[in-house]
Amino acid sequence: MKDIPKDYEILLYRSQDGDVKIDVLAQSDTLWLTQKRMGELFAVQVPR
């Protein structure tokens, strides 16, 4: 398995028309998201 980058950011924001926008790290055709960020993206609670 390839090493996961140690520093990355995901930016979520909502446009004026209500669409959710997301910026993620894309590396070798792979998108990296934490469970917390996935929950935010899909507007769901992530169990702890």
C-alpha atoms as a PDB file:
ATOM      1  CA  MET A   1       0.000   0.000   0.000  1.00  0.00           C
ATOM      2  CA  LYS A   2       1.253   3.462  -0.826  1.00  0.00           C
ATOM      3  CA  ASP A   3       2.038   5.900   1.957  1.00  0.00           C
ATOM      4  CA  ILE A   4      -0.793   8.283   2.793  1.00  0.00           C
ATOM      5  CA  PRO A   5       0.393  11.896   2.699  1.00  0.00           C
ATOM      6  CA  LYS A   6       0.793  13.389   6.157  1.00  0.00           C
ATOM      7  CA  ASP A   7      -0.378  16.888   5.229  1.00  0.00           C
ATOM      8  CA  TYR A   8      -3.570  17.337   3.285  1.00  0.00           C
ATOM      9  CA  GLU A   9      -6.641  19.507   3.417  1.00  0.00           C
ATOM     10  CA  ILE A  10     -10.233  19.159   2.369  1.00  0.00           C
ATOM     11  CA  LEU A  11     -12.216  22.307   1.884  1.00  0.00           C
ATOM     12  CA  LEU A  12     -16.006  22.193   1.878  1.00  0.00           C
ATOM     13  CA  TYR A  13     -18.096  25.191   1.022  1.00  0.00           C
ATOM     14  CA  ARG A  14     -21.635  25.894  -0.148  1.00  0.00           C
ATOM     15  CA  SER A  15     -22.285  28.091  -3.173  1.00  0.00           C
ATOM     16  CA  GLN A  16     -25.057  30.676  -3.275  1.00  0.00           C
ATOM     17  CA  ASP A  17     -27.296  28.236  -5.158  1.00  0.00           C
ATOM     18  CA  GLY A  18     -26.908  25.664  -2.345  1.00  0.00           C
ATOM     19  CA  ASP A  19     -24.498  23.275  -4.055  1.00  0.00           C
ATOM     20  CA  VAL A  20     -21.773  21.794  -1.854  1.00  0.00           C
ATOM     21  CA  LYS A  21     -18.260  22.186  -3.200  1.00  0.00           C
ATOM     22  CA  ILE A  22     -15.302  20.107  -2.065  1.00  0.00           C
ATOM     23  CA  ASP A  23     -11.555  20.348  -2.609  1.00  0.00           C
ATOM     24  CA  VAL A  24      -9.584  17.174  -1.909  1.00  0.00           C
ATOM     25  CA  LEU A  25      -6.130  15.773  -2.375  1.00  0.00           C
ATOM     26  CA  ALA A  26      -6.012  13.631  -5.488  1.00  0.00           C
ATOM     27  CA  GLN A  27      -2.986  11.412  -5.844  1.00  0.00           C
ATOM     28  CA  SER A  28      -2.557   8.640  -8.394  1.00  0.00           C
ATOM     29  CA  ASP A  29      -6.291   8.596  -9.176  1.00  0.00           C
ATOM     30  CA  THR A  30      -7.126   8.240  -5.476  1.00  0.00           C
ATOM     31  CA  LEU A  31      -9.058  10.737  -3.347  1.00  0.00           C
ATOM     32  CA  TRP A  32      -8.185  10.782   0.334  1.00  0.00           C
ATOM     33  CA  LEU A  33     -10.882  11.717   2.868  1.00  0.00           C
ATOM     34  CA  THR A  34     -11.118  11.095   6.590  1.00  0.00           C
ATOM     35  CA  GLN A  35     -14.312   9.574   7.994  1.00  0.00           C
ATOM     36  CA  LYS A  36     -15.149  12.956   9.498  1.00  0.00           C
ATOM     37  CA  ARG A  37     -14.818  14.696   6.122  1.00  0.00           C
ATOM     38  CA  MET A  38     -16.833  11.974   4.379  1.00  0.00           C
ATOM     39  CA  GLY A  39     -19.586  12.527   6.937  1.00  0.00           C
ATOM     40  CA  GLU A  40     -19.508  16.259   6.264  1.00  0.00           C
ATOM     41  CA  LEU A  41     -19.588  15.674   2.530  1.00  0.00           C
ATOM     42  CA  PHE A  42     -22.673  13.453   2.769  1.00  0.00           C
ATOM     43  CA  ALA A  43     -24.238  15.347   5.715  1.00  0.00           C
ATOM     44  CA  VAL A  44     -24.313  12.315   8.036  1.00  0.00           C
ATOM     45  CA  GLN A  45     -23.048  11.576  11.556  1.00  0.00           C
ATOM     46  CA  VAL A  46     -19.949   9.413  11.823  1.00  0.00           C
ATOM     47  CA  PRO A  47     -20.006   7.016  14.811  1.00  0.00           C
ATOM     48  CA  ARG A  48     -17.147   7.490  17.267  1.00  0.00           C
END
